[in-house]
Amino acid sequence: MKAMLKQEVADAAGVSLRTLHRWCEPYREELLRMGWQPKMILLPPHIVKFLSDKFCIDVP
């Protein structure tokens, strides 16, 4: 897994950035513990992996 922009993750999921944010809301506390920040643009690899596992996103 590699670091990706939030927009790239949203594109891979086929949704808008706003929808991706809404999907992440139930996992907010867990993401914050992992080092995620709401204004973060470049997501680290471990957060990209978490999101791809949770939402079944096929990231390249």
N, C-alpha and C. Protein backbone atom coordinates (compact mmCIF):
# COMPACT_ATOMS: atom_id res chain seq x y z
N MET A 1 0.85 -1.18 0.00
CA MET A 1 0.00 0.00 0.00
C MET A 1 0.89 1.24 0.00
N LYS A 2 0.44 2.29 -0.67
CA LYS A 2 1.21 3.53 -0.72
C LYS A 2 0.35 4.68 -0.24
N ALA A 3 1.00 5.78 0.08
CA ALA A 3 0.28 6.98 0.48
C ALA A 3 -0.53 7.49 -0.71
N MET A 4 -1.73 7.98 -0.45
CA MET A 4 -2.60 8.47 -1.52
C MET A 4 -3.32 9.73 -1.07
N LEU A 5 -3.69 10.54 -2.03
CA LEU A 5 -4.52 11.71 -1.74
C LEU A 5 -5.93 11.23 -1.42
N LYS A 6 -6.63 11.99 -0.59
CA LYS A 6 -8.01 11.63 -0.27
C LYS A 6 -8.85 11.54 -1.55
N GLN A 7 -8.60 12.46 -2.48
CA GLN A 7 -9.36 12.47 -3.73
C GLN A 7 -9.12 11.19 -4.52
N GLU A 8 -7.89 10.67 -4.50
CA GLU A 8 -7.59 9.43 -5.20
C GLU A 8 -8.33 8.24 -4.58
N VAL A 9 -8.43 8.23 -3.26
CA VAL A 9 -9.17 7.16 -2.58
C VAL A 9 -10.64 7.26 -2.93
N ALA A 10 -11.18 8.47 -2.93
CA ALA A 10 -12.59 8.67 -3.29
C ALA A 10 -12.85 8.24 -4.73
N ASP A 11 -11.93 8.59 -5.64
CA ASP A 11 -12.08 8.19 -7.04
C ASP A 11 -12.05 6.68 -7.18
N ALA A 12 -11.16 6.02 -6.44
CA ALA A 12 -11.08 4.55 -6.49
C ALA A 12 -12.37 3.92 -5.99
N ALA A 13 -13.04 4.58 -5.04
CA ALA A 13 -14.30 4.07 -4.51
C ALA A 13 -15.48 4.44 -5.40
N GLY A 14 -15.26 5.39 -6.32
CA GLY A 14 -16.33 5.82 -7.21
C GLY A 14 -17.31 6.77 -6.56
N VAL A 15 -16.84 7.51 -5.57
CA VAL A 15 -17.71 8.45 -4.84
C VAL A 15 -17.02 9.81 -4.77
N SER A 16 -17.79 10.80 -4.33
CA SER A 16 -17.21 12.14 -4.16
C SER A 16 -16.42 12.18 -2.85
N LEU A 17 -15.63 13.22 -2.73
CA LEU A 17 -14.85 13.42 -1.51
C LEU A 17 -15.77 13.60 -0.30
N ARG A 18 -16.86 14.31 -0.51
CA ARG A 18 -17.82 14.53 0.58
C ARG A 18 -18.44 13.20 1.05
N THR A 19 -18.75 12.32 0.13
CA THR A 19 -19.30 11.01 0.50
C THR A 19 -18.26 10.20 1.27
N LEU A 20 -17.00 10.26 0.84
CA LEU A 20 -15.95 9.54 1.56
C LEU A 20 -15.86 10.04 3.00
N HIS A 21 -15.96 11.36 3.18
CA HIS A 21 -15.93 11.92 4.53
C HIS A 21 -17.11 11.39 5.36
N ARG A 22 -18.26 11.31 4.75
CA ARG A 22 -19.43 10.79 5.46
C ARG A 22 -19.26 9.33 5.84
N TRP A 23 -18.65 8.55 4.96
CA TRP A 23 -18.39 7.14 5.26
C TRP A 23 -17.43 7.00 6.43
N CYS A 24 -16.48 7.92 6.54
CA CYS A 24 -15.45 7.84 7.58
C CYS A 24 -15.98 8.27 8.95
N GLU A 25 -17.06 9.00 8.99
CA GLU A 25 -17.56 9.56 10.26
C GLU A 25 -17.76 8.50 11.36
N PRO A 26 -18.35 7.33 11.10
CA PRO A 26 -18.49 6.34 12.18
C PRO A 26 -17.15 5.81 12.71
N TYR A 27 -16.11 5.93 11.93
CA TYR A 27 -14.79 5.43 12.31
C TYR A 27 -13.86 6.56 12.75
N ARG A 28 -14.41 7.73 13.01
CA ARG A 28 -13.62 8.93 13.30
C ARG A 28 -12.65 8.72 14.47
N GLU A 29 -13.12 8.19 15.58
CA GLU A 29 -12.25 7.99 16.76
C GLU A 29 -11.10 7.05 16.44
N GLU A 30 -11.41 5.96 15.75
CA GLU A 30 -10.36 5.00 15.40
C GLU A 30 -9.34 5.63 14.45
N LEU A 31 -9.83 6.41 13.48
CA LEU A 31 -8.93 7.08 12.54
C LEU A 31 -8.06 8.12 13.25
N LEU A 32 -8.64 8.84 14.20
CA LEU A 32 -7.87 9.83 14.96
C LEU A 32 -6.75 9.16 15.74
N ARG A 33 -7.03 7.99 16.33
CA ARG A 33 -6.00 7.25 17.06
C ARG A 33 -4.88 6.78 16.13
N MET A 34 -5.23 6.58 14.85
CA MET A 34 -4.23 6.13 13.87
C MET A 34 -3.40 7.29 13.33
N GLY A 35 -3.76 8.52 13.69
CA GLY A 35 -2.99 9.68 13.25
C GLY A 35 -3.66 10.50 12.17
N TRP A 36 -4.86 10.13 11.80
CA TRP A 36 -5.61 10.87 10.79
C TRP A 36 -6.05 12.22 11.35
N GLN A 37 -6.00 13.24 10.50
CA GLN A 37 -6.49 14.56 10.86
C GLN A 37 -7.54 14.95 9.83
N PRO A 38 -8.63 15.59 10.26
CA PRO A 38 -9.72 15.91 9.32
C PRO A 38 -9.28 16.71 8.09
N LYS A 39 -8.31 17.58 8.22
CA LYS A 39 -7.88 18.41 7.09
C LYS A 39 -6.74 17.78 6.28
N MET A 40 -6.35 16.56 6.65
CA MET A 40 -5.25 15.86 5.99
C MET A 40 -5.60 15.60 4.52
N ILE A 41 -4.69 15.92 3.62
CA ILE A 41 -4.91 15.71 2.20
C ILE A 41 -4.23 14.42 1.73
N LEU A 42 -2.99 14.23 2.16
CA LEU A 42 -2.24 13.02 1.81
C LEU A 42 -2.38 12.01 2.94
N LEU A 43 -3.01 10.89 2.62
CA LEU A 43 -3.24 9.86 3.64
C LEU A 43 -2.07 8.88 3.68
N PRO A 44 -1.57 8.58 4.87
CA PRO A 44 -0.47 7.61 4.99
C PRO A 44 -0.94 6.20 4.60
N PRO A 45 0.01 5.33 4.26
CA PRO A 45 -0.35 3.98 3.80
C PRO A 45 -1.24 3.19 4.75
N HIS A 46 -1.00 3.28 6.07
CA HIS A 46 -1.80 2.48 6.99
C HIS A 46 -3.26 2.95 7.03
N ILE A 47 -3.51 4.22 6.79
CA ILE A 47 -4.89 4.71 6.76
C ILE A 47 -5.55 4.34 5.43
N VAL A 48 -4.80 4.39 4.34
CA VAL A 48 -5.33 3.95 3.04
C VAL A 48 -5.74 2.48 3.13
N LYS A 49 -4.89 1.66 3.76
CA LYS A 49 -5.21 0.23 3.91
C LYS A 49 -6.46 0.05 4.76
N PHE A 50 -6.57 0.80 5.85
CA PHE A 50 -7.75 0.72 6.72
C PHE A 50 -9.02 1.05 5.93
N LEU A 51 -8.99 2.14 5.17
CA LEU A 51 -10.16 2.55 4.40
C LEU A 51 -10.50 1.54 3.31
N SER A 52 -9.48 1.03 2.64
CA SER A 52 -9.74 0.06 1.57
C SER A 52 -10.31 -1.24 2.13
N ASP A 53 -9.87 -1.63 3.32
CA ASP A 53 -10.43 -2.84 3.95
C ASP A 53 -11.86 -2.61 4.44
N LYS A 54 -12.10 -1.47 5.07
CA LYS A 54 -13.44 -1.19 5.63
C LYS A 54 -14.50 -1.03 4.55
N PHE A 55 -14.12 -0.34 3.45
CA PHE A 55 -15.11 0.00 2.43
C PHE A 55 -14.96 -0.80 1.14
N CYS A 56 -14.13 -1.84 1.19
CA CYS A 56 -13.92 -2.72 0.03
C CYS A 56 -13.55 -1.92 -1.21
N ILE A 57 -12.58 -1.05 -1.07
CA ILE A 57 -12.12 -0.22 -2.18
C ILE A 57 -10.90 -0.91 -2.79
N ASP A 58 -10.93 -1.09 -4.09
CA ASP A 58 -9.80 -1.70 -4.80
C ASP A 58 -8.86 -0.59 -5.22
N VAL A 59 -7.84 -0.34 -4.39
CA VAL A 59 -6.87 0.72 -4.70
C VAL A 59 -5.71 0.14 -5.47
N PRO A 60 -5.22 0.90 -6.45
CA PRO A 60 -4.10 0.38 -7.27
C PRO A 60 -2.79 0.36 -6.50
